[in-house]
C-alpha atoms as a PDB file:
ATOM      1  CA  UNK A   1      -0.002  -0.001   0.002  1.00  0.00           C
ATOM      2  CA  UNK A   2       1.592   3.234  -1.151  1.00  0.00           C
ATOM      3  CA  UNK A   3      -0.721   5.483   0.837  1.00  0.00           C
ATOM      4  CA  UNK A   4       0.927   6.642   4.012  1.00  0.00           C
ATOM      5  CA  UNK A   5      -0.855   5.323   7.072  1.00  0.00           C
ATOM      6  CA  UNK A   6      -0.211   7.024  10.396  1.00  0.00           C
ATOM      7  CA  UNK A   7       1.151   5.342  13.500  1.00  0.00           C
ATOM      8  CA  UNK A   8      -2.335   5.645  15.015  1.00  0.00           C
ATOM      9  CA  UNK A   9      -3.742   3.596  12.161  1.00  0.00           C
ATOM     10  CA  UNK A  10      -1.038   0.975  12.681  1.00  0.00           C
ATOM     11  CA  UNK A  11      -2.043   0.589  16.301  1.00  0.00           C
ATOM     12  CA  UNK A  12      -5.709   0.394  15.264  1.00  0.00           C
ATOM     13  CA  UNK A  13      -5.003  -2.335  12.749  1.00  0.00           C
ATOM     14  CA  UNK A  14      -3.189  -4.260  15.444  1.00  0.00           C
ATOM     15  CA  UNK A  15      -6.462  -4.149  17.351  1.00  0.00           C
ATOM     16  CA  UNK A  16      -7.979  -5.821  14.327  1.00  0.00           C
ATOM     17  CA  UNK A  17      -5.639  -8.739  14.979  1.00  0.00           C
ATOM     18  CA  UNK A  18      -3.288  -7.557  12.256  1.00  0.00           C
ATOM     19  CA  UNK A  19      -3.880  -7.696   8.539  1.00  0.00           C
ATOM     20  CA  UNK A  20      -1.232 -10.358   8.098  1.00  0.00           C
ATOM     21  CA  UNK A  21      -2.651 -12.745  10.660  1.00  0.00           C
ATOM     22  CA  UNK A  22      -6.086 -12.724   9.099  1.00  0.00           C
ATOM     23  CA  UNK A  23      -4.683 -13.501   5.672  1.00  0.00           C
ATOM     24  CA  UNK A  24      -2.768 -16.540   6.861  1.00  0.00           C
ATOM     25  CA  UNK A  25      -3.935 -20.115   6.419  1.00  0.00           C
ATOM     26  CA  UNK A  26      -6.487 -21.299   8.931  1.00  0.00           C
ATOM     27  CA  UNK A  27      -5.564 -23.300  12.004  1.00  0.00           C
ATOM     28  CA  UNK A  28      -3.419 -22.592  15.010  1.00  0.00           C
ATOM     29  CA  UNK A  29       0.231 -23.562  15.020  1.00  0.00           C
ATOM     30  CA  UNK A  30       1.381 -24.255  18.539  1.00  0.00           C
ATOM     31  CA  UNK A  31       3.852 -26.029  20.773  1.00  0.00           C
ATOM     32  CA  UNK A  32       1.980 -27.179  23.833  1.00  0.00           C
ATOM     33  CA  UNK A  33       3.173 -27.279  27.401  1.00  0.00           C
ATOM     34  CA  UNK A  34       2.680 -30.519  29.220  1.00  0.00           C
ATOM     35  CA  UNK A  35       2.749 -32.754  26.158  1.00  0.00           C
ATOM     36  CA  UNK A  36       5.702 -34.727  27.504  1.00  0.00           C
ATOM     37  CA  UNK A  37       4.561 -34.848  31.104  1.00  0.00           C
ATOM     38  CA  UNK A  38       6.001 -31.412  31.843  1.00  0.00           C
ATOM     39  CA  UNK A  39       4.320 -29.148  34.376  1.00  0.00           C
ATOM     40  CA  UNK A  40       2.017 -26.429  33.123  1.00  0.00           C
ATOM     41  CA  UNK A  41       3.558 -22.998  32.496  1.00  0.00           C
ATOM     42  CA  UNK A  42       3.970 -20.657  35.439  1.00  0.00           C
ATOM     43  CA  UNK A  43       5.570 -17.667  33.698  1.00  0.00           C
ATOM     44  CA  UNK A  44       3.548 -16.651  30.644  1.00  0.00           C
ATOM     45  CA  UNK A  45       4.214 -13.635  28.425  1.00  0.00           C
ATOM     46  CA  UNK A  46       1.144 -12.524  26.432  1.00  0.00           C
ATOM     47  CA  UNK A  47       2.114 -10.479  23.379  1.00  0.00           C
ATOM     48  CA  UNK A  48      -1.326  -9.168  22.373  1.00  0.00           C
ATOM     49  CA  UNK A  49      -4.328  -7.674  24.212  1.00  0.00           C
ATOM     50  CA  UNK A  50      -6.549 -10.587  23.165  1.00  0.00           C
ATOM     51  CA  UNK A  51      -3.985 -13.094  24.489  1.00  0.00           C
ATOM     52  CA  UNK A  52      -4.138 -11.488  27.905  1.00  0.00           C
ATOM     53  CA  UNK A  53      -7.941 -11.536  27.830  1.00  0.00           C
ATOM     54  CA  UNK A  54      -8.031 -15.231  26.968  1.00  0.00           C
ATOM     55  CA  UNK A  55      -5.533 -16.174  29.671  1.00  0.00           C
ATOM     56  CA  UNK A  56      -7.375 -14.313  32.399  1.00  0.00           C
ATOM     57  CA  UNK A  57     -10.740 -15.599  31.172  1.00  0.00           C
ATOM     58  CA  UNK A  58      -9.669 -19.252  31.469  1.00  0.00           C
ATOM     59  CA  UNK A  59      -8.232 -18.751  34.937  1.00  0.00           C
ATOM     60  CA  UNK A  60      -4.549 -18.483  34.028  1.00  0.00           C
ATOM     61  CA  UNK A  61      -4.131 -14.857  35.084  1.00  0.00           C
ATOM     62  CA  UNK A  62      -1.899 -15.739  38.026  1.00  0.00           C
ATOM     63  CA  UNK A  63       0.492 -17.433  35.585  1.00  0.00           C
ATOM     64  CA  UNK A  64       0.966 -14.290  33.447  1.00  0.00           C
ATOM     65  CA  UNK A  65       4.118 -12.279  34.173  1.00  0.00           C
ATOM     66  CA  UNK A  66       4.056  -9.746  31.314  1.00  0.00           C
ATOM     67  CA  UNK A  67       1.663  -8.388  28.701  1.00  0.00           C
ATOM     68  CA  UNK A  68       1.639  -6.200  25.594  1.00  0.00           C
ATOM     69  CA  UNK A  69       1.927  -2.431  25.879  1.00  0.00           C
ATOM     70  CA  UNK A  70      -1.611  -2.183  24.480  1.00  0.00           C
ATOM     71  CA  UNK A  71      -3.291  -4.512  26.959  1.00  0.00           C
ATOM     72  CA  UNK A  72      -6.238  -2.693  28.562  1.00  0.00           C
ATOM     73  CA  UNK A  73      -8.472  -5.526  29.786  1.00  0.00           C
ATOM     74  CA  UNK A  74      -9.128  -7.063  32.217  1.00  0.00           C
ATOM     75  CA  UNK A  75      -8.120  -4.515  34.887  1.00  0.00           C
ATOM     76  CA  UNK A  76      -5.889  -7.080  36.636  1.00  0.00           C
ATOM     77  CA  UNK A  77      -3.788  -7.407  33.488  1.00  0.00           C
ATOM     78  CA  UNK A  78      -3.239  -3.676  33.077  1.00  0.00           C
ATOM     79  CA  UNK A  79      -0.930  -3.424  36.057  1.00  0.00           C
ATOM     80  CA  UNK A  80       1.383  -6.210  34.897  1.00  0.00           C
ATOM     81  CA  UNK A  81       4.848  -5.440  33.471  1.00  0.00           C
ATOM     82  CA  UNK A  82       4.928  -4.659  29.764  1.00  0.00           C
ATOM     83  CA  UNK A  83       6.906  -6.782  27.313  1.00  0.00           C
ATOM     84  CA  UNK A  84       6.766  -4.268  24.468  1.00  0.00           C
ATOM     85  CA  UNK A  85       4.693  -3.369  21.436  1.00  0.00           C
ATOM     86  CA  UNK A  86       3.650  -5.447  18.469  1.00  0.00           C
ATOM     87  CA  UNK A  87       6.519  -5.474  15.979  1.00  0.00           C
ATOM     88  CA  UNK A  88      10.268  -5.867  15.805  1.00  0.00           C
ATOM     89  CA  UNK A  89      10.836  -2.152  16.486  1.00  0.00           C
ATOM     90  CA  UNK A  90       9.075  -2.149  19.833  1.00  0.00           C
ATOM     91  CA  UNK A  91       9.337  -5.817  20.748  1.00  0.00           C
ATOM     92  CA  UNK A  92      12.485  -7.842  21.189  1.00  0.00           C
ATOM     93  CA  UNK A  93      13.520 -11.288  22.288  1.00  0.00           C
ATOM     94  CA  UNK A  94      15.678  -9.649  24.923  1.00  0.00           C
ATOM     95  CA  UNK A  95      12.676  -7.989  26.553  1.00  0.00           C
ATOM     96  CA  UNK A  96      10.747 -11.265  26.493  1.00  0.00           C
ATOM     97  CA  UNK A  97      13.641 -13.238  28.005  1.00  0.00           C
ATOM     98  CA  UNK A  98      13.969 -10.702  30.815  1.00  0.00           C
ATOM     99  CA  UNK A  99      10.738 -12.106  32.258  1.00  0.00           C
ATOM    100  CA  UNK A 100      12.146 -15.667  32.268  1.00  0.00           C
ATOM    101  CA  UNK A 101       9.072 -17.122  30.537  1.00  0.00           C
ATOM    102  CA  UNK A 102       8.283 -20.791  30.106  1.00  0.00           C
ATOM    103  CA  UNK A 103       5.426 -19.991  27.692  1.00  0.00           C
ATOM    104  CA  UNK A 104       4.822 -17.180  25.160  1.00  0.00           C
ATOM    105  CA  UNK A 105       1.455 -16.405  23.558  1.00  0.00           C
ATOM    106  CA  UNK A 106       2.006 -15.185  19.984  1.00  0.00           C
ATOM    107  CA  UNK A 107      -0.122 -13.882  17.096  1.00  0.00           C
ATOM    108  CA  UNK A 108       0.183 -15.438  13.629  1.00  0.00           C
ATOM    109  CA  UNK A 109       1.776 -13.121  11.103  1.00  0.00           C
ATOM    110  CA  UNK A 110       2.809 -10.592  13.744  1.00  0.00           C
ATOM    111  CA  UNK A 111       5.187 -12.559  15.943  1.00  0.00           C
ATOM    112  CA  UNK A 112       6.433 -15.369  13.705  1.00  0.00           C
ATOM    113  CA  UNK A 113       9.925 -13.886  13.716  1.00  0.00           C
ATOM    114  CA  UNK A 114      10.216 -14.888  17.378  1.00  0.00           C
ATOM    115  CA  UNK A 115       9.568 -18.603  16.803  1.00  0.00           C
ATOM    116  CA  UNK A 116      13.144 -19.688  15.895  1.00  0.00           C
ATOM    117  CA  UNK A 117      14.494 -17.911  18.973  1.00  0.00           C
ATOM    118  CA  UNK A 118      11.841 -19.405  21.259  1.00  0.00           C
ATOM    119  CA  UNK A 119      12.729 -22.834  19.901  1.00  0.00           C
ATOM    120  CA  UNK A 120      16.403 -22.138  20.471  1.00  0.00           C
ATOM    121  CA  UNK A 121      15.694 -21.364  24.132  1.00  0.00           C
ATOM    122  CA  UNK A 122      13.247 -24.302  24.426  1.00  0.00           C
ATOM    123  CA  UNK A 123      10.408 -21.991  25.429  1.00  0.00           C
ATOM    124  CA  UNK A 124       6.898 -23.278  24.762  1.00  0.00           C
ATOM    125  CA  UNK A 125       4.591 -21.084  22.708  1.00  0.00           C
ATOM    126  CA  UNK A 126       1.131 -20.837  21.214  1.00  0.00           C
ATOM    127  CA  UNK A 127       0.356 -19.014  17.962  1.00  0.00           C
ATOM    128  CA  UNK A 128      -3.095 -17.470  17.826  1.00  0.00           C
ATOM    129  CA  UNK A 129      -4.745 -17.418  14.415  1.00  0.00           C
ATOM    130  CA  UNK A 130      -8.436 -16.917  15.225  1.00  0.00           C
ATOM    131  CA  UNK A 131     -10.271 -15.665  12.148  1.00  0.00           C
ATOM    132  CA  UNK A 132     -13.843 -16.473  13.205  1.00  0.00           C
ATOM    133  CA  UNK A 133     -15.960 -16.689  16.323  1.00  0.00           C
ATOM    134  CA  UNK A 134     -15.811 -20.478  16.218  1.00  0.00           C
ATOM    135  CA  UNK A 135     -12.027 -20.388  16.089  1.00  0.00           C
ATOM    136  CA  UNK A 136     -11.970 -18.015  19.072  1.00  0.00           C
ATOM    137  CA  UNK A 137     -13.915 -20.561  21.104  1.00  0.00           C
ATOM    138  CA  UNK A 138     -11.521 -23.277  19.966  1.00  0.00           C
ATOM    139  CA  UNK A 139      -8.542 -21.133  20.940  1.00  0.00           C
ATOM    140  CA  UNK A 140      -9.991 -20.563  24.391  1.00  0.00           C
ATOM    141  CA  UNK A 141     -10.304 -24.308  24.912  1.00  0.00           C
ATOM    142  CA  UNK A 142      -6.787 -24.988  23.601  1.00  0.00           C
ATOM    143  CA  UNK A 143      -5.198 -22.319  25.785  1.00  0.00           C
ATOM    144  CA  UNK A 144      -7.143 -23.591  28.788  1.00  0.00           C
ATOM    145  CA  UNK A 145      -5.724 -27.069  28.150  1.00  0.00           C
ATOM    146  CA  UNK A 146      -2.182 -25.803  27.663  1.00  0.00           C
ATOM    147  CA  UNK A 147      -2.252 -23.827  30.903  1.00  0.00           C
ATOM    148  CA  UNK A 148      -3.873 -26.504  33.059  1.00  0.00           C
ATOM    149  CA  UNK A 149      -7.438 -25.218  33.160  1.00  0.00           C
ATOM    150  CA  UNK A 150      -9.120 -27.473  30.617  1.00  0.00           C
ATOM    151  CA  UNK A 151     -11.588 -29.020  33.037  1.00  0.00           C
ATOM    152  CA  UNK A 152     -12.250 -25.971  35.180  1.00  0.00           C
ATOM    153  CA  UNK A 153     -15.784 -24.780  35.889  1.00  0.00           C
ATOM    154  CA  UNK A 154     -14.667 -21.286  34.869  1.00  0.00           C
ATOM    155  CA  UNK A 155     -13.874 -22.370  31.308  1.00  0.00           C
ATOM    156  CA  UNK A 156     -17.060 -24.385  30.918  1.00  0.00           C
ATOM    157  CA  UNK A 157     -19.112 -21.439  32.188  1.00  0.00           C
ATOM    158  CA  UNK A 158     -17.263 -19.070  29.856  1.00  0.00           C
ATOM    159  CA  UNK A 159     -18.031 -21.123  26.744  1.00  0.00           C
ATOM    160  CA  UNK A 160     -21.621 -21.668  27.868  1.00  0.00           C
ATOM    161  CA  UNK A 161     -22.127 -17.930  28.316  1.00  0.00           C
ATOM    162  CA  UNK A 162     -20.640 -17.202  24.901  1.00  0.00           C
ATOM    163  CA  UNK A 163     -22.938 -19.741  23.257  1.00  0.00           C
ATOM    164  CA  UNK A 164     -25.972 -18.292  25.022  1.00  0.00           C
ATOM    165  CA  UNK A 165     -25.174 -14.785  23.801  1.00  0.00           C
ATOM    166  CA  UNK A 166     -24.647 -16.003  20.248  1.00  0.00           C
ATOM    167  CA  UNK A 167     -27.950 -17.880  20.458  1.00  0.00           C
ATOM    168  CA  UNK A 168     -29.671 -14.706  21.674  1.00  0.00           C
ATOM    169  CA  UNK A 169     -28.302 -12.837  18.646  1.00  0.00           C
ATOM    170  CA  UNK A 170     -29.501 -15.651  16.374  1.00  0.00           C
ATOM    171  CA  UNK A 171     -32.988 -15.370  17.856  1.00  0.00           C
ATOM    172  CA  UNK A 172     -33.095 -11.631  17.223  1.00  0.00           C
ATOM    173  CA  UNK A 173     -31.913 -12.172  13.662  1.00  0.00           C
ATOM    174  CA  UNK A 174     -34.545 -14.859  13.030  1.00  0.00           C
ATOM    175  CA  UNK A 175     -37.303 -12.449  14.010  1.00  0.00           C
ATOM    176  CA  UNK A 176     -36.503 -10.147  11.087  1.00  0.00           C
ATOM    177  CA  UNK A 177     -37.049 -11.025   7.445  1.00  0.00           C
ATOM    178  CA  UNK A 178     -34.627  -8.448   6.058  1.00  0.00           C
ATOM    179  CA  UNK A 179     -30.947  -8.085   6.949  1.00  0.00           C
ATOM    180  CA  UNK A 180     -29.342  -4.705   7.387  1.00  0.00           C
ATOM    181  CA  UNK A 181     -26.809  -3.779   4.692  1.00  0.00           C
ATOM    182  CA  UNK A 182     -23.843  -2.751   6.815  1.00  0.00           C
ATOM    183  CA  UNK A 183     -20.713  -0.763   6.033  1.00  0.00           C
ATOM    184  CA  UNK A 184     -17.987  -0.912   8.659  1.00  0.00           C
ATOM    185  CA  UNK A 185     -15.444   1.850   8.243  1.00  0.00           C
ATOM    186  CA  UNK A 186     -12.099   0.651   9.528  1.00  0.00           C
ATOM    187  CA  UNK A 187     -10.410   3.883   8.457  1.00  0.00           C
ATOM    188  CA  UNK A 188     -11.192   6.855   6.258  1.00  0.00           C
ATOM    189  CA  UNK A 189      -7.878   8.059   4.840  1.00  0.00           C
ATOM    190  CA  UNK A 190      -7.692   5.967   2.759  1.00  0.00           C
ATOM    191  CA  UNK A 191     -11.064   4.268   3.097  1.00  0.00           C
ATOM    192  CA  UNK A 192     -10.515   0.797   4.532  1.00  0.00           C
ATOM    193  CA  UNK A 193     -13.245  -1.693   5.337  1.00  0.00           C
ATOM    194  CA  UNK A 194     -13.689  -5.310   6.399  1.00  0.00           C
ATOM    195  CA  UNK A 195     -13.655  -7.903   3.621  1.00  0.00           C
ATOM    196  CA  UNK A 196     -14.766 -11.517   3.435  1.00  0.00           C
ATOM    197  CA  UNK A 197     -11.732 -13.087   5.131  1.00  0.00           C
ATOM    198  CA  UNK A 198     -11.763 -10.700   8.090  1.00  0.00           C
ATOM    199  CA  UNK A 199     -12.739 -11.600  11.609  1.00  0.00           C
ATOM    200  CA  UNK A 200     -15.134  -8.663  11.624  1.00  0.00           C
ATOM    201  CA  UNK A 201     -17.080 -10.055   8.677  1.00  0.00           C
ATOM    202  CA  UNK A 202     -18.001 -13.058  10.807  1.00  0.00           C
ATOM    203  CA  UNK A 203     -19.116 -10.791  13.662  1.00  0.00           C
ATOM    204  CA  UNK A 204     -21.321  -8.780  11.290  1.00  0.00           C
ATOM    205  CA  UNK A 205     -22.929 -11.903   9.865  1.00  0.00           C
ATOM    206  CA  UNK A 206     -23.526 -13.494  13.278  1.00  0.00           C
ATOM    207  CA  UNK A 207     -25.238 -10.280  14.373  1.00  0.00           C
ATOM    208  CA  UNK A 208     -27.638 -10.646  11.458  1.00  0.00           C
ATOM    209  CA  UNK A 209     -26.370  -8.066   9.008  1.00  0.00           C
ATOM    210  CA  UNK A 210     -24.898  -8.275   5.529  1.00  0.00           C
ATOM    211  CA  UNK A 211     -21.442  -6.798   5.057  1.00  0.00           C
ATOM    212  CA  UNK A 212     -21.708  -4.786   1.837  1.00  0.00           C
ATOM    213  CA  UNK A 213     -18.070  -5.550   1.045  1.00  0.00           C
ATOM    214  CA  UNK A 214     -18.156  -9.270   1.831  1.00  0.00           C
ATOM    215  CA  UNK A 215     -17.553  -9.993  -1.853  1.00  0.00           C
ATOM    216  CA  UNK A 216     -13.979  -8.706  -1.482  1.00  0.00           C
ATOM    217  CA  UNK A 217     -11.663 -11.572  -0.487  1.00  0.00           C
ATOM    218  CA  UNK A 218      -9.021  -9.366   1.126  1.00  0.00           C
ATOM    219  CA  UNK A 219      -9.352  -9.077   4.903  1.00  0.00           C
ATOM    220  CA  UNK A 220      -9.104  -5.292   5.052  1.00  0.00           C
ATOM    221  CA  UNK A 221      -9.239  -3.852   1.527  1.00  0.00           C
ATOM    222  CA  UNK A 222      -8.787  -0.250   0.533  1.00  0.00           C
ATOM    223  CA  UNK A 223     -11.952   0.869  -1.223  1.00  0.00           C
ATOM    224  CA  UNK A 224     -13.124   3.939  -3.105  1.00  0.00           C
ATOM    225  CA  UNK A 225     -15.572   6.438  -1.720  1.00  0.00           C
ATOM    226  CA  UNK A 226     -17.647   5.977  -4.866  1.00  0.00           C
ATOM    227  CA  UNK A 227     -18.080   2.274  -4.145  1.00  0.00           C
ATOM    228  CA  UNK A 228     -19.425   3.004  -0.661  1.00  0.00           C
ATOM    229  CA  UNK A 229     -21.991   5.418  -2.058  1.00  0.00           C
ATOM    230  CA  UNK A 230     -22.978   3.018  -4.826  1.00  0.00           C
ATOM    231  CA  UNK A 231     -23.515   0.101  -2.430  1.00  0.00           C
ATOM    232  CA  UNK A 232     -25.820   2.284  -0.329  1.00  0.00           C
ATOM    233  CA  UNK A 233     -25.517   0.804   3.188  1.00  0.00           C
ATOM    234  CA  UNK A 234     -28.525   1.014   5.501  1.00  0.00           C
ATOM    235  CA  UNK A 235     -26.253   0.990   8.573  1.00  0.00           C
ATOM    236  CA  UNK A 236     -22.774   2.462   9.040  1.00  0.00           C
ATOM    237  CA  UNK A 237     -20.415   1.577  11.875  1.00  0.00           C
ATOM    238  CA  UNK A 238     -17.562   3.946  12.709  1.00  0.00           C
ATOM    239  CA  UNK A 239     -14.651   3.031  14.969  1.00  0.00           C
ATOM    240  CA  UNK A 240     -14.323   5.068  18.126  1.00  0.00           C
ATOM    241  CA  UNK A 241     -10.569   5.318  17.620  1.00  0.00           C
ATOM    242  CA  UNK A 242     -11.098   7.269  14.396  1.00  0.00           C
ATOM    243  CA  UNK A 243     -12.441  10.187  16.516  1.00  0.00           C
ATOM    244  CA  UNK A 244     -15.187  10.719  13.921  1.00  0.00           C
ATOM    245  CA  UNK A 245     -18.789  11.488  14.849  1.00  0.00           C
ATOM    246  CA  UNK A 246     -22.077  10.759  13.115  1.00  0.00           C
ATOM    247  CA  UNK A 247     -22.170  14.444  12.205  1.00  0.00           C
ATOM    248  CA  UNK A 248     -18.829  14.077  10.402  1.00  0.00           C
ATOM    249  CA  UNK A 249     -20.315  11.314   8.281  1.00  0.00           C
ATOM    250  CA  UNK A 250     -23.505  13.267   7.612  1.00  0.00           C
ATOM    251  CA  UNK A 251     -21.455  16.186   6.269  1.00  0.00           C
ATOM    252  CA  UNK A 252     -19.485  14.140   3.710  1.00  0.00           C
ATOM    253  CA  UNK A 253     -19.938  15.426   0.193  1.00  0.00           C
ATOM    254  CA  UNK A 254     -22.059  13.139  -1.986  1.00  0.00           C
ATOM    255  CA  UNK A 255     -23.249  10.913   0.880  1.00  0.00           C
ATOM    256  CA  UNK A 256     -26.637  12.537   1.583  1.00  0.00           C
ATOM    257  CA  UNK A 257     -28.621   9.957  -0.398  1.00  0.00           C
ATOM    258  CA  UNK A 258     -27.145   6.942   1.394  1.00  0.00           C
ATOM    259  CA  UNK A 259     -29.893   5.160   3.357  1.00  0.00           C
ATOM    260  CA  UNK A 260     -27.906   5.091   6.594  1.00  0.00           C
ATOM    261  CA  UNK A 261     -27.571   8.863   6.542  1.00  0.00           C
ATOM    262  CA  UNK A 262     -31.186   9.495   5.572  1.00  0.00           C
ATOM    263  CA  UNK A 263     -32.388   7.272   8.436  1.00  0.00           C
ATOM    264  CA  UNK A 264     -29.761   8.308  11.009  1.00  0.00           C
ATOM    265  CA  UNK A 265     -28.333   4.782  11.238  1.00  0.00           C
ATOM    266  CA  UNK A 266     -24.717   5.755  11.952  1.00  0.00           C
ATOM    267  CA  UNK A 267     -23.203   4.238  15.103  1.00  0.00           C
ATOM    268  CA  UNK A 268     -19.869   4.657  16.872  1.00  0.00           C
ATOM    269  CA  UNK A 269     -18.509   1.379  18.238  1.00  0.00           C
ATOM    270  CA  UNK A 270     -15.638   0.639  20.600  1.00  0.00           C
ATOM    271  CA  UNK A 271     -13.206  -1.067  18.224  1.00  0.00           C
ATOM    272  CA  UNK A 272     -10.951  -2.125  21.126  1.00  0.00           C
ATOM    273  CA  UNK A 273     -13.715  -4.553  22.078  1.00  0.00           C
ATOM    274  CA  UNK A 274     -15.546  -5.078  18.784  1.00  0.00           C
ATOM    275  CA  UNK A 275     -12.497  -6.144  16.802  1.00  0.00           C
ATOM    276  CA  UNK A 276     -10.632  -8.155  19.423  1.00  0.00           C
ATOM    277  CA  UNK A 277     -10.797 -11.955  19.035  1.00  0.00           C
ATOM    278  CA  UNK A 278     -11.334 -12.805  22.660  1.00  0.00           C
ATOM    279  CA  UNK A 279     -14.058 -13.911  25.095  1.00  0.00           C
ATOM    280  CA  UNK A 280     -15.974 -10.613  24.872  1.00  0.00           C
ATOM    281  CA  UNK A 281     -16.687 -11.052  21.164  1.00  0.00           C
ATOM    282  CA  UNK A 282     -19.950 -12.861  21.914  1.00  0.00           C
ATOM    283  CA  UNK A 283     -21.068  -9.770  23.842  1.00  0.00           C
ATOM    284  CA  UNK A 284     -20.272  -7.702  20.756  1.00  0.00           C
ATOM    285  CA  UNK A 285     -22.356  -9.918  18.495  1.00  0.00           C
ATOM    286  CA  UNK A 286     -25.302  -9.759  20.862  1.00  0.00           C
ATOM    287  CA  UNK A 287     -25.070  -5.982  21.370  1.00  0.00           C
ATOM    288  CA  UNK A 288     -24.704  -5.380  17.628  1.00  0.00           C
ATOM    289  CA  UNK A 289     -27.832  -7.443  16.931  1.00  0.00           C
ATOM    290  CA  UNK A 290     -29.741  -5.300  19.416  1.00  0.00           C
ATOM    291  CA  UNK A 291     -28.312  -2.152  17.848  1.00  0.00           C
ATOM    292  CA  UNK A 292     -29.415  -3.261  14.395  1.00  0.00           C
ATOM    293  CA  UNK A 293     -32.880  -4.573  15.158  1.00  0.00           C
ATOM    294  CA  UNK A 294     -34.171  -3.281  18.507  1.00  0.00           C
ATOM    295  CA  UNK A 295     -35.532   0.103  17.455  1.00  0.00           C
ATOM    296  CA  UNK A 296     -38.083   0.630  20.186  1.00  0.00           C
END
């Protein structure tokens, strides 16, 4: 991409689980702790916000010794030491080793450069590659098993609650014959949206809407403003991190005839939650379904 994207956009795209990770082949590559009768890890370094969320959600929070600079949930994770950012410029093997880890939680496409070094030091690792809600649930179960919490009541309750929220969204969707035509604006300079292979596309569909750019295979394609207008979305979602308001969208030249603008269906969503492949994603699906279809 020749267009210059600011550092703020780079951080935002990391919240989207990174463009690279969502374009990789499906499945999770991992080296599991305990496979040879070893004890479960006691010093875990989580290199993404979603990794920290998963670990704390399955009951492994006490085993985490360091997290990413951008970790902001749960509150207990925020006070932990920081291992660095999300790329080679702000993250190093030296910083990771300083925490004496026996397990490192990586993200596919973002942290692959660390794998040879982790292998050299015989440090166990897990590579997250969740590109759908189903794969998030599978990742939660795998991480629970790797950290010694596979059979815990906490994990079973977590998955049960996620399934119930997804079922609630499905019920709301089933009560409506027409699906909202949704445009999710990842960024506006240039215009970037969520394509078919993105994690967000699955969230949109599970909430009962149709992503107007789901025909584009790329995870996060750059699109033209003309194509947005032509596809005429009935609902527009804007990321909170963009600092845009509904009024900003309403004032865009040439957009006045778009259905979403005419019917005031422009919503600001918290992309730190909405785009993060972790346990809270089921909440996002349920809340989005209410946003789309509960108009009373």
